[in-house]
Amino acid sequence: MQRRRFTMEFKQQVIQEAREVGNASQVARRHNINPKMLYRWMDQAEHTDWKTTDISAKAISAYAPSPQEFRALEGENKQLKEILGEKDLEIAVLRDLLKKQNPAYRTKLK
């Protein structure tokens, strides 16, 4: 099934109609859309940022970081992975110590 994209005007029109009718499922069936999608649109429409943002800004579907931002994110990601690796090693060492001090105690955490 191919993905469909709806304009902001259409979404606002359907949301308004659903509010007037009071039955979002019926309105969704009339416009041949999934009721869950209509409920999601209604939830988003209630959000304050949704109301204050310009319609042309809402049409942008993806954010592409600049090369500098991308490198900074890669560096941060690498740093966080190193920290996570250190924590995993620390946990493994502490479990080994716990097993040595109390051989009857077995941990199976994973």
PDB file of N, CA and C in Angstrom:
ATOM      1  N   MET A   1       0.846  -1.178   0.000  1.00  0.00           N
ATOM      2  CA  MET A   1       0.000   0.000   0.000  1.00  0.00           C
ATOM      3  C   MET A   1       0.893   1.243   0.000  1.00  0.00           C
ATOM      4  N   GLN A   2       0.561   2.169  -0.840  1.00  0.00           N
ATOM      5  CA  GLN A   2       1.344   3.377  -0.978  1.00  0.00           C
ATOM      6  C   GLN A   2       0.939   4.401   0.080  1.00  0.00           C
ATOM      7  N   ARG A   3       1.931   5.095   0.602  1.00  0.00           N
ATOM      8  CA  ARG A   3       1.683   6.085   1.638  1.00  0.00           C
ATOM      9  C   ARG A   3       1.096   7.355   1.023  1.00  0.00           C
ATOM     10  N   ARG A   4       0.078   7.908   1.670  1.00  0.00           N
ATOM     11  CA  ARG A   4      -0.545   9.129   1.187  1.00  0.00           C
ATOM     12  C   ARG A   4      -0.120  10.295   2.072  1.00  0.00           C
ATOM     13  N   ARG A   5      -0.014  11.459   1.479  1.00  0.00           N
ATOM     14  CA  ARG A   5       0.300  12.676   2.225  1.00  0.00           C
ATOM     15  C   ARG A   5      -0.884  13.632   2.087  1.00  0.00           C
ATOM     16  N   PHE A   6      -1.228  14.247   3.189  1.00  0.00           N
ATOM     17  CA  PHE A   6      -2.368  15.142   3.212  1.00  0.00           C
ATOM     18  C   PHE A   6      -1.897  16.566   3.485  1.00  0.00           C
ATOM     19  N   THR A   7      -2.548  17.523   2.870  1.00  0.00           N
ATOM     20  CA  THR A   7      -2.186  18.921   3.083  1.00  0.00           C
ATOM     21  C   THR A   7      -2.695  19.374   4.447  1.00  0.00           C
ATOM     22  N   MET A   8      -2.081  20.439   4.944  1.00  0.00           N
ATOM     23  CA  MET A   8      -2.498  20.977   6.233  1.00  0.00           C
ATOM     24  C   MET A   8      -3.933  21.473   6.172  1.00  0.00           C
ATOM     25  N   GLU A   9      -4.324  22.043   5.034  1.00  0.00           N
ATOM     26  CA  GLU A   9      -5.694  22.546   4.903  1.00  0.00           C
ATOM     27  C   GLU A   9      -6.698  21.396   5.011  1.00  0.00           C
ATOM     28  N   PHE A  10      -6.375  20.262   4.362  1.00  0.00           N
ATOM     29  CA  PHE A  10      -7.264  19.097   4.430  1.00  0.00           C
ATOM     30  C   PHE A  10      -7.363  18.589   5.866  1.00  0.00           C
ATOM     31  N   LYS A  11      -6.211  18.493   6.538  1.00  0.00           N
ATOM     32  CA  LYS A  11      -6.214  18.011   7.926  1.00  0.00           C
ATOM     33  C   LYS A  11      -7.067  18.917   8.808  1.00  0.00           C
ATOM     34  N   GLN A  12      -6.877  20.223   8.669  1.00  0.00           N
ATOM     35  CA  GLN A  12      -7.643  21.164   9.490  1.00  0.00           C
ATOM     36  C   GLN A  12      -9.133  21.091   9.175  1.00  0.00           C
ATOM     37  N   GLN A  13      -9.465  20.896   7.909  1.00  0.00           N
ATOM     38  CA  GLN A  13     -10.864  20.788   7.513  1.00  0.00           C
ATOM     39  C   GLN A  13     -11.495  19.541   8.132  1.00  0.00           C
ATOM     40  N   VAL A  14     -10.784  18.404   8.075  1.00  0.00           N
ATOM     41  CA  VAL A  14     -11.317  17.153   8.628  1.00  0.00           C
ATOM     42  C   VAL A  14     -11.423  17.249  10.143  1.00  0.00           C
ATOM     43  N   ILE A  15     -10.430  17.852  10.787  1.00  0.00           N
ATOM     44  CA  ILE A  15     -10.481  18.021  12.246  1.00  0.00           C
ATOM     45  C   ILE A  15     -11.683  18.877  12.635  1.00  0.00           C
ATOM     46  N   GLN A  16     -11.883  19.975  11.923  1.00  0.00           N
ATOM     47  CA  GLN A  16     -13.026  20.849  12.211  1.00  0.00           C
ATOM     48  C   GLN A  16     -14.334  20.102  12.026  1.00  0.00           C
ATOM     49  N   GLU A  17     -14.427  19.321  10.956  1.00  0.00           N
ATOM     50  CA  GLU A  17     -15.645  18.547  10.695  1.00  0.00           C
ATOM     51  C   GLU A  17     -15.883  17.519  11.802  1.00  0.00           C
ATOM     52  N   ALA A  18     -14.818  16.862  12.244  1.00  0.00           N
ATOM     53  CA  ALA A  18     -14.959  15.861  13.310  1.00  0.00           C
ATOM     54  C   ALA A  18     -15.434  16.510  14.602  1.00  0.00           C
ATOM     55  N   ARG A  19     -14.959  17.692  14.879  1.00  0.00           N
ATOM     56  CA  ARG A  19     -15.391  18.396  16.094  1.00  0.00           C
ATOM     57  C   ARG A  19     -16.857  18.818  15.984  1.00  0.00           C
ATOM     58  N   GLU A  20     -17.269  19.246  14.802  1.00  0.00           N
ATOM     59  CA  GLU A  20     -18.660  19.665  14.623  1.00  0.00           C
ATOM     60  C   GLU A  20     -19.613  18.484  14.708  1.00  0.00           C
ATOM     61  N   VAL A  21     -19.229  17.366  14.062  1.00  0.00           N
ATOM     62  CA  VAL A  21     -20.093  16.182  14.051  1.00  0.00           C
ATOM     63  C   VAL A  21     -20.071  15.503  15.413  1.00  0.00           C
ATOM     64  N   GLY A  22     -18.894  15.451  16.025  1.00  0.00           N
ATOM     65  CA  GLY A  22     -18.773  14.801  17.320  1.00  0.00           C
ATOM     66  C   GLY A  22     -18.434  13.321  17.221  1.00  0.00           C
ATOM     67  N   ASN A  23     -18.276  12.801  16.018  1.00  0.00           N
ATOM     68  CA  ASN A  23     -17.951  11.392  15.822  1.00  0.00           C
ATOM     69  C   ASN A  23     -16.790  11.309  14.829  1.00  0.00           C
ATOM     70  N   ALA A  24     -15.574  11.182  15.369  1.00  0.00           N
ATOM     71  CA  ALA A  24     -14.383  11.198  14.524  1.00  0.00           C
ATOM     72  C   ALA A  24     -14.306   9.955  13.636  1.00  0.00           C
ATOM     73  N   SER A  25     -14.749   8.825  14.124  1.00  0.00           N
ATOM     74  CA  SER A  25     -14.689   7.596  13.323  1.00  0.00           C
ATOM     75  C   SER A  25     -15.558   7.714  12.077  1.00  0.00           C
ATOM     76  N   GLN A  26     -16.737   8.289  12.229  1.00  0.00           N
ATOM     77  CA  GLN A  26     -17.633   8.457  11.088  1.00  0.00           C
ATOM     78  C   GLN A  26     -17.019   9.410  10.056  1.00  0.00           C
ATOM     79  N   VAL A  27     -16.433  10.493  10.518  1.00  0.00           N
ATOM     80  CA  VAL A  27     -15.804  11.455   9.610  1.00  0.00           C
ATOM     81  C   VAL A  27     -14.608  10.809   8.912  1.00  0.00           C
ATOM     82  N   ALA A  28     -13.842  10.006   9.636  1.00  0.00           N
ATOM     83  CA  ALA A  28     -12.685   9.333   9.043  1.00  0.00           C
ATOM     84  C   ALA A  28     -13.130   8.377   7.938  1.00  0.00           C
ATOM     85  N   ARG A  29     -14.202   7.623   8.191  1.00  0.00           N
ATOM     86  CA  ARG A  29     -14.711   6.712   7.160  1.00  0.00           C
ATOM     87  C   ARG A  29     -15.195   7.483   5.935  1.00  0.00           C
ATOM     88  N   ARG A  30     -15.834   8.618   6.166  1.00  0.00           N
ATOM     89  CA  ARG A  30     -16.340   9.425   5.051  1.00  0.00           C
ATOM     90  C   ARG A  30     -15.197   9.912   4.158  1.00  0.00           C
ATOM     91  N   HIS A  31     -14.063  10.238   4.769  1.00  0.00           N
ATOM     92  CA  HIS A  31     -12.916  10.738   4.006  1.00  0.00           C
ATOM     93  C   HIS A  31     -11.914   9.637   3.653  1.00  0.00           C
ATOM     94  N   ASN A  32     -12.257   8.399   3.975  1.00  0.00           N
ATOM     95  CA  ASN A  32     -11.436   7.233   3.637  1.00  0.00           C
ATOM     96  C   ASN A  32     -10.035   7.315   4.257  1.00  0.00           C
ATOM     97  N   ILE A  33      -9.991   7.646   5.551  1.00  0.00           N
ATOM     98  CA  ILE A  33      -8.736   7.638   6.290  1.00  0.00           C
ATOM     99  C   ILE A  33      -8.921   6.812   7.549  1.00  0.00           C
ATOM    100  N   ASN A  34      -7.826   6.394   8.138  1.00  0.00           N
ATOM    101  CA  ASN A  34      -7.860   5.591   9.350  1.00  0.00           C
ATOM    102  C   ASN A  34      -8.295   6.474  10.525  1.00  0.00           C
ATOM    103  N   PRO A  35      -9.232   6.002  11.350  1.00  0.00           N
ATOM    104  CA  PRO A  35      -9.670   6.814  12.498  1.00  0.00           C
ATOM    105  C   PRO A  35      -8.527   7.141  13.466  1.00  0.00           C
ATOM    106  N   LYS A  36      -7.577   6.225  13.600  1.00  0.00           N
ATOM    107  CA  LYS A  36      -6.445   6.496  14.495  1.00  0.00           C
ATOM    108  C   LYS A  36      -5.642   7.698  14.004  1.00  0.00           C
ATOM    109  N   MET A  37      -5.524   7.816  12.678  1.00  0.00           N
ATOM    110  CA  MET A  37      -4.799   8.947  12.112  1.00  0.00           C
ATOM    111  C   MET A  37      -5.533  10.246  12.418  1.00  0.00           C
ATOM    112  N   LEU A  38      -6.844  10.222  12.292  1.00  0.00           N
ATOM    113  CA  LEU A  38      -7.621  11.424  12.586  1.00  0.00           C
ATOM    114  C   LEU A  38      -7.484  11.806  14.059  1.00  0.00           C
ATOM    115  N   TYR A  39      -7.530  10.820  14.957  1.00  0.00           N
ATOM    116  CA  TYR A  39      -7.346  11.110  16.381  1.00  0.00           C
ATOM    117  C   TYR A  39      -5.948  11.690  16.637  1.00  0.00           C
ATOM    118  N   ARG A  40      -4.937  11.175  15.936  1.00  0.00           N
ATOM    119  CA  ARG A  40      -3.579  11.693  16.081  1.00  0.00           C
ATOM    120  C   ARG A  40      -3.518  13.142  15.612  1.00  0.00           C
ATOM    121  N   TRP A  41      -4.168  13.446  14.485  1.00  0.00           N
ATOM    122  CA  TRP A  41      -4.207  14.817  13.993  1.00  0.00           C
ATOM    123  C   TRP A  41      -4.889  15.728  15.006  1.00  0.00           C
ATOM    124  N   MET A  42      -5.962  15.241  15.604  1.00  0.00           N
ATOM    125  CA  MET A  42      -6.691  16.052  16.580  1.00  0.00           C
ATOM    126  C   MET A  42      -5.834  16.320  17.811  1.00  0.00           C
ATOM    127  N   ASP A  43      -5.083  15.313  18.260  1.00  0.00           N
ATOM    128  CA  ASP A  43      -4.185  15.507  19.401  1.00  0.00           C
ATOM    129  C   ASP A  43      -3.100  16.521  19.068  1.00  0.00           C
ATOM    130  N   GLN A  44      -2.545  16.409  17.859  1.00  0.00           N
ATOM    131  CA  GLN A  44      -1.504  17.350  17.453  1.00  0.00           C
ATOM    132  C   GLN A  44      -2.064  18.762  17.320  1.00  0.00           C
ATOM    133  N   ALA A  45      -3.285  18.871  16.865  1.00  0.00           N
ATOM    134  CA  ALA A  45      -3.894  20.189  16.677  1.00  0.00           C
ATOM    135  C   ALA A  45      -4.120  20.883  18.014  1.00  0.00           C
ATOM    136  N   GLU A  46      -4.306  20.125  19.070  1.00  0.00           N
ATOM    137  CA  GLU A  46      -4.514  20.716  20.388  1.00  0.00           C
ATOM    138  C   GLU A  46      -3.211  21.223  20.989  1.00  0.00           C
ATOM    139  N   HIS A  47      -2.090  20.749  20.472  1.00  0.00           N
ATOM    140  CA  HIS A  47      -0.795  21.169  20.986  1.00  0.00           C
ATOM    141  C   HIS A  47      -0.552  22.628  20.595  1.00  0.00           C
ATOM    142  N   THR A  48      -0.004  23.423  21.497  1.00  0.00           N
ATOM    143  CA  THR A  48       0.141  24.859  21.243  1.00  0.00           C
ATOM    144  C   THR A  48       1.118  25.146  20.113  1.00  0.00           C
ATOM    145  N   ASP A  49       2.196  24.386  19.988  1.00  0.00           N
ATOM    146  CA  ASP A  49       3.149  24.627  18.909  1.00  0.00           C
ATOM    147  C   ASP A  49       2.500  24.406  17.556  1.00  0.00           C
ATOM    148  N   TRP A  50       1.615  23.436  17.487  1.00  0.00           N
ATOM    149  CA  TRP A  50       0.927  23.129  16.234  1.00  0.00           C
ATOM    150  C   TRP A  50       0.114  24.349  15.792  1.00  0.00           C
ATOM    151  N   LYS A  51      -0.519  25.013  16.747  1.00  0.00           N
ATOM    152  CA  LYS A  51      -1.371  26.153  16.415  1.00  0.00           C
ATOM    153  C   LYS A  51      -0.557  27.382  16.008  1.00  0.00           C
ATOM    154  N   THR A  52       0.591  27.597  16.640  1.00  0.00           N
ATOM    155  CA  THR A  52       1.346  28.822  16.404  1.00  0.00           C
ATOM    156  C   THR A  52       2.321  28.719  15.242  1.00  0.00           C
ATOM    157  N   THR A  53       2.667  27.526  14.809  1.00  0.00           N
ATOM    158  CA  THR A  53       3.632  27.351  13.736  1.00  0.00           C
ATOM    159  C   THR A  53       2.987  27.637  12.387  1.00  0.00           C
ATOM    160  N   ASP A  54       3.759  28.279  11.508  1.00  0.00           N
ATOM    161  CA  ASP A  54       3.281  28.586  10.163  1.00  0.00           C
ATOM    162  C   ASP A  54       3.064  27.298   9.373  1.00  0.00           C
ATOM    163  N   ILE A  55       2.064  27.288   8.503  1.00  0.00           N
ATOM    164  CA  ILE A  55       1.725  26.087   7.733  1.00  0.00           C
ATOM    165  C   ILE A  55       2.879  25.671   6.831  1.00  0.00           C
ATOM    166  N   SER A  56       3.589  26.636   6.247  1.00  0.00           N
ATOM    167  CA  SER A  56       4.702  26.287   5.364  1.00  0.00           C
ATOM    168  C   SER A  56       5.817  25.594   6.140  1.00  0.00           C
ATOM    169  N   ALA A  57       5.991  25.926   7.421  1.00  0.00           N
ATOM    170  CA  ALA A  57       7.019  25.279   8.231  1.00  0.00           C
ATOM    171  C   ALA A  57       6.633  23.850   8.569  1.00  0.00           C
ATOM    172  N   LYS A  58       5.345  23.570   8.643  1.00  0.00           N
ATOM    173  CA  LYS A  58       4.891  22.222   8.957  1.00  0.00           C
ATOM    174  C   LYS A  58       5.081  21.278   7.783  1.00  0.00           C
ATOM    175  N   ALA A  59       5.218  21.822   6.582  1.00  0.00           N
ATOM    176  CA  ALA A  59       5.361  20.987   5.394  1.00  0.00           C
ATOM    177  C   ALA A  59       6.739  20.354   5.302  1.00  0.00           C
ATOM    178  N   ILE A  60       7.726  20.895   6.002  1.00  0.00           N
ATOM    179  CA  ILE A  60       9.074  20.328   5.958  1.00  0.00           C
ATOM    180  C   ILE A  60       9.047  18.990   6.675  1.00  0.00           C
ATOM    181  N   SER A  61       9.476  17.934   5.970  1.00  0.00           N
ATOM    182  CA  SER A  61       9.333  16.598   6.524  1.00  0.00           C
ATOM    183  C   SER A  61      10.593  16.070   7.178  1.00  0.00           C
ATOM    184  N   ALA A  62      11.773  16.578   6.797  1.00  0.00           N
ATOM    185  CA  ALA A  62      13.008  16.020   7.346  1.00  0.00           C
ATOM    186  C   ALA A  62      13.989  17.138   7.653  1.00  0.00           C
ATOM    187  N   TYR A  63      14.807  16.916   8.664  1.00  0.00           N
ATOM    188  CA  TYR A  63      15.845  17.858   9.040  1.00  0.00           C
ATOM    189  C   TYR A  63      17.187  17.250   8.673  1.00  0.00           C
ATOM    190  N   ALA A  64      17.983  17.975   7.920  1.00  0.00           N
ATOM    191  CA  ALA A  64      19.315  17.514   7.537  1.00  0.00           C
ATOM    192  C   ALA A  64      20.343  18.406   8.229  1.00  0.00           C
ATOM    193  N   PRO A  65      21.103  17.842   9.169  1.00  0.00           N
ATOM    194  CA  PRO A  65      22.078  18.672   9.877  1.00  0.00           C
ATOM    195  C   PRO A  65      23.227  19.084   8.960  1.00  0.00           C
ATOM    196  N   SER A  66      23.843  20.196   9.290  1.00  0.00           N
ATOM    197  CA  SER A  66      25.005  20.647   8.527  1.00  0.00           C
ATOM    198  C   SER A  66      26.173  19.708   8.823  1.00  0.00           C
ATOM    199  N   PRO A  67      27.211  19.720   7.987  1.00  0.00           N
ATOM    200  CA  PRO A  67      28.364  18.835   8.243  1.00  0.00           C
ATOM    201  C   PRO A  67      29.004  19.053   9.610  1.00  0.00           C
ATOM    202  N   GLN A  68      29.045  20.310  10.077  1.00  0.00           N
ATOM    203  CA  GLN A  68      29.620  20.577  11.397  1.00  0.00           C
ATOM    204  C   GLN A  68      28.760  19.953  12.499  1.00  0.00           C
ATOM    205  N   GLU A  69      27.445  20.125  12.374  1.00  0.00           N
ATOM    206  CA  GLU A  69      26.551  19.522  13.371  1.00  0.00           C
ATOM    207  C   GLU A  69      26.652  18.006  13.339  1.00  0.00           C
ATOM    208  N   PHE A  70      26.752  17.454  12.145  1.00  0.00           N
ATOM    209  CA  PHE A  70      26.845  16.003  11.999  1.00  0.00           C
ATOM    210  C   PHE A  70      28.109  15.478  12.674  1.00  0.00           C
ATOM    211  N   ARG A  71      29.243  16.161  12.461  1.00  0.00           N
ATOM    212  CA  ARG A  71      30.491  15.732  13.107  1.00  0.00           C
ATOM    213  C   ARG A  71      30.387  15.844  14.627  1.00  0.00           C
ATOM    214  N   ALA A  72      29.752  16.916  15.085  1.00  0.00           N
ATOM    215  CA  ALA A  72      29.586  17.096  16.531  1.00  0.00           C
ATOM    216  C   ALA A  72      28.718  15.981  17.103  1.00  0.00           C
ATOM    217  N   LEU A  73      27.655  15.614  16.399  1.00  0.00           N
ATOM    218  CA  LEU A  73      26.792  14.529  16.861  1.00  0.00           C
ATOM    219  C   LEU A  73      27.526  13.189  16.847  1.00  0.00           C
ATOM    220  N   GLU A  74      28.341  12.967  15.812  1.00  0.00           N
ATOM    221  CA  GLU A  74      29.121  11.729  15.765  1.00  0.00           C
ATOM    222  C   GLU A  74      30.095  11.664  16.934  1.00  0.00           C
ATOM    223  N   GLY A  75      30.748  12.794  17.241  1.00  0.00           N
ATOM    224  CA  GLY A  75      31.679  12.833  18.373  1.00  0.00           C
ATOM    225  C   GLY A  75      30.978  12.557  19.691  1.00  0.00           C
ATOM    226  N   GLU A  76      29.822  13.167  19.864  1.00  0.00           N
ATOM    227  CA  GLU A  76      29.049  12.941  21.090  1.00  0.00           C
ATOM    228  C   GLU A  76      28.603  11.484  21.190  1.00  0.00           C
ATOM    229  N   ASN A  77      28.181  10.921  20.056  1.00  0.00           N
ATOM    230  CA  ASN A  77      27.761   9.523  20.029  1.00  0.00           C
ATOM    231  C   ASN A  77      28.915   8.599  20.413  1.00  0.00           C
ATOM    232  N   LYS A  78      30.102   8.871  19.871  1.00  0.00           N
ATOM    233  CA  LYS A  78      31.283   8.061  20.187  1.00  0.00           C
ATOM    234  C   LYS A  78      31.607   8.153  21.676  1.00  0.00           C
ATOM    235  N   GLN A  79      31.548   9.370  22.219  1.00  0.00           N
ATOM    236  CA  GLN A  79      31.833   9.573  23.639  1.00  0.00           C
ATOM    237  C   GLN A  79      30.829   8.815  24.520  1.00  0.00           C
ATOM    238  N   LEU A  80      29.569   8.866  24.154  1.00  0.00           N
ATOM    239  CA  LEU A  80      28.546   8.168  24.937  1.00  0.00           C
ATOM    240  C   LEU A  80      28.721   6.649  24.853  1.00  0.00           C
ATOM    241  N   LYS A  81      29.113   6.143  23.696  1.00  0.00           N
ATOM    242  CA  LYS A  81      29.373   4.711  23.558  1.00  0.00           C
ATOM    243  C   LYS A  81      30.541   4.273  24.434  1.00  0.00           C
ATOM    244  N   GLU A  82      31.590   5.113  24.514  1.00  0.00           N
ATOM    245  CA  GLU A  82      32.726   4.794  25.379  1.00  0.00           C
ATOM    246  C   GLU A  82      32.303   4.754  26.840  1.00  0.00           C
ATOM    247  N   ILE A  83      31.499   5.715  27.247  1.00  0.00           N
ATOM    248  CA  ILE A  83      31.014   5.754  28.633  1.00  0.00           C
ATOM    249  C   ILE A  83      30.172   4.514  28.920  1.00  0.00           C
ATOM    250  N   LEU A  84      29.315   4.143  27.981  1.00  0.00           N
ATOM    251  CA  LEU A  84      28.481   2.959  28.154  1.00  0.00           C
ATOM    252  C   LEU A  84      29.340   1.704  28.264  1.00  0.00           C
ATOM    253  N   GLY A  85      30.382   1.609  27.445  1.00  0.00           N
ATOM    254  CA  GLY A  85      31.293   0.463  27.512  1.00  0.00           C
ATOM    255  C   GLY A  85      31.986   0.380  28.850  1.00  0.00           C
ATOM    256  N   GLU A  86      32.417   1.528  29.375  1.00  0.00           N
ATOM    257  CA  GLU A  86      33.057   1.551  30.691  1.00  0.00           C
ATOM    258  C   GLU A  86      32.087   1.092  31.775  1.00  0.00           C
ATOM    259  N   LYS A  87      30.860   1.535  31.697  1.00  0.00           N
ATOM    260  CA  LYS A  87      29.854   1.137  32.695  1.00  0.00           C
ATOM    261  C   LYS A  87      29.582  -0.368  32.617  1.00  0.00           C
ATOM    262  N   ASP A  88      29.482  -0.899  31.398  1.00  0.00           N
ATOM    263  CA  ASP A  88      29.269  -2.342  31.242  1.00  0.00           C
ATOM    264  C   ASP A  88      30.430  -3.130  31.840  1.00  0.00           C
ATOM    265  N   LEU A  89      31.660  -2.663  31.605  1.00  0.00           N
ATOM    266  CA  LEU A  89      32.836  -3.325  32.162  1.00  0.00           C
ATOM    267  C   LEU A  89      32.816  -3.257  33.685  1.00  0.00           C
ATOM    268  N   GLU A  90      32.453  -2.106  34.219  1.00  0.00           N
ATOM    269  CA  GLU A  90      32.373  -1.932  35.664  1.00  0.00           C
ATOM    270  C   GLU A  90      31.340  -2.882  36.276  1.00  0.00           C
ATOM    271  N   ILE A  91      30.201  -3.020  35.633  1.00  0.00           N
ATOM    272  CA  ILE A  91      29.159  -3.924  36.113  1.00  0.00           C
ATOM    273  C   ILE A  91      29.652  -5.372  36.088  1.00  0.00           C
ATOM    274  N   ALA A  92      30.344  -5.744  35.014  1.00  0.00           N
ATOM    275  CA  ALA A  92      30.867  -7.113  34.916  1.00  0.00           C
ATOM    276  C   ALA A  92      31.871  -7.390  36.021  1.00  0.00           C
ATOM    277  N   VAL A  93      32.749  -6.442  36.316  1.00  0.00           N
ATOM    278  CA  VAL A  93      33.739  -6.617  37.384  1.00  0.00           C
ATOM    279  C   VAL A  93      33.045  -6.746  38.727  1.00  0.00           C
ATOM    280  N   LEU A  94      32.056  -5.921  38.985  1.00  0.00           N
ATOM    281  CA  LEU A  94      31.343  -5.991  40.259  1.00  0.00           C
ATOM    282  C   LEU A  94      30.591  -7.317  40.412  1.00  0.00           C
ATOM    283  N   ARG A  95      30.034  -7.834  39.338  1.00  0.00           N
ATOM    284  CA  ARG A  95      29.361  -9.139  39.400  1.00  0.00           C
ATOM    285  C   ARG A  95      30.351 -10.252  39.699  1.00  0.00           C
ATOM    286  N   ASP A  96      31.534 -10.195  39.070  1.00  0.00           N
ATOM    287  CA  ASP A  96      32.560 -11.199  39.348  1.00  0.00           C
ATOM    288  C   ASP A  96      32.981 -11.153  40.812  1.00  0.00           C
ATOM    289  N   LEU A  97      33.154  -9.950  41.350  1.00  0.00           N
ATOM    290  CA  LEU A  97      33.516  -9.822  42.762  1.00  0.00           C
ATOM    291  C   LEU A  97      32.420 -10.378  43.655  1.00  0.00           C
ATOM    292  N   LEU A  98      31.183 -10.105  43.308  1.00  0.00           N
ATOM    293  CA  LEU A  98      30.058 -10.605  44.092  1.00  0.00           C
ATOM    294  C   LEU A  98      30.019 -12.122  44.072  1.00  0.00           C
ATOM    295  N   LYS A  99      30.287 -12.730  42.918  1.00  0.00           N
ATOM    296  CA  LYS A  99      30.305 -14.190  42.818  1.00  0.00           C
ATOM    297  C   LYS A  99      31.444 -14.791  43.625  1.00  0.00           C
ATOM    298  N   LYS A 100      32.592 -14.115  43.650  1.00  0.00           N
ATOM    299  CA  LYS A 100      33.743 -14.630  44.409  1.00  0.00           C
ATOM    300  C   LYS A 100      33.491 -14.549  45.907  1.00  0.00           C
ATOM    301  N   GLN A 101      32.847 -13.496  46.362  1.00  0.00           N
ATOM    302  CA  GLN A 101      32.583 -13.339  47.788  1.00  0.00           C
ATOM    303  C   GLN A 101      31.480 -14.268  48.262  1.00  0.00           C
ATOM    304  N   ASN A 102      30.521 -14.546  47.422  1.00  0.00           N
ATOM    305  CA  ASN A 102      29.398 -15.388  47.807  1.00  0.00           C
ATOM    306  C   ASN A 102      29.118 -16.358  46.650  1.00  0.00           C
ATOM    307  N   PRO A 103      29.773 -17.535  46.631  1.00  0.00           N
ATOM    308  CA  PRO A 103      29.618 -18.459  45.514  1.00  0.00           C
ATOM    309  C   PRO A 103      28.190 -18.974  45.340  1.00  0.00           C
ATOM    310  N   ALA A 104      27.402 -19.003  46.385  1.00  0.00           N
ATOM    311  CA  ALA A 104      26.046 -19.513  46.279  1.00  0.00           C
ATOM    312  C   ALA A 104      25.116 -18.512  45.583  1.00  0.00           C
ATOM    313  N   TYR A 105      25.560 -17.278  45.500  1.00  0.00           N
ATOM    314  CA  TYR A 105      24.733 -16.229  44.889  1.00  0.00           C
ATOM    315  C   TYR A 105      24.967 -16.199  43.390  1.00  0.00           C
ATOM    316  N   ARG A 106      23.934 -16.383  42.627  1.00  0.00           N
ATOM    317  CA  ARG A 106      24.057 -16.360  41.165  1.00  0.00           C
ATOM    318  C   ARG A 106      23.167 -15.251  40.612  1.00  0.00           C
ATOM    319  N   THR A 107      23.761 -14.490  39.751  1.00  0.00           N
ATOM    320  CA  THR A 107      22.992 -13.405  39.126  1.00  0.00           C
ATOM    321  C   THR A 107      22.838 -13.701  37.650  1.00  0.00           C
ATOM    322  N   LYS A 108      21.643 -13.552  37.182  1.00  0.00           N
ATOM    323  CA  LYS A 108      21.366 -13.680  35.752  1.00  0.00           C
ATOM    324  C   LYS A 108      20.597 -12.448  35.330  1.00  0.00           C
ATOM    325  N   LEU A 109      21.317 -11.377  35.152  1.00  0.00           N
ATOM    326  CA  LEU A 109      20.710 -10.122  34.734  1.00  0.00           C
ATOM    327  C   LEU A 109      21.170  -9.797  33.334  1.00  0.00           C
ATOM    328  N   LYS A 110      20.264  -9.830  32.407  1.00  0.00           N
ATOM    329  CA  LYS A 110      20.546  -9.409  31.029  1.00  0.00           C
ATOM    330  C   LYS A 110      19.311  -9.387  30.236  1.00  0.00           C
TER     331      LYS A 110
END
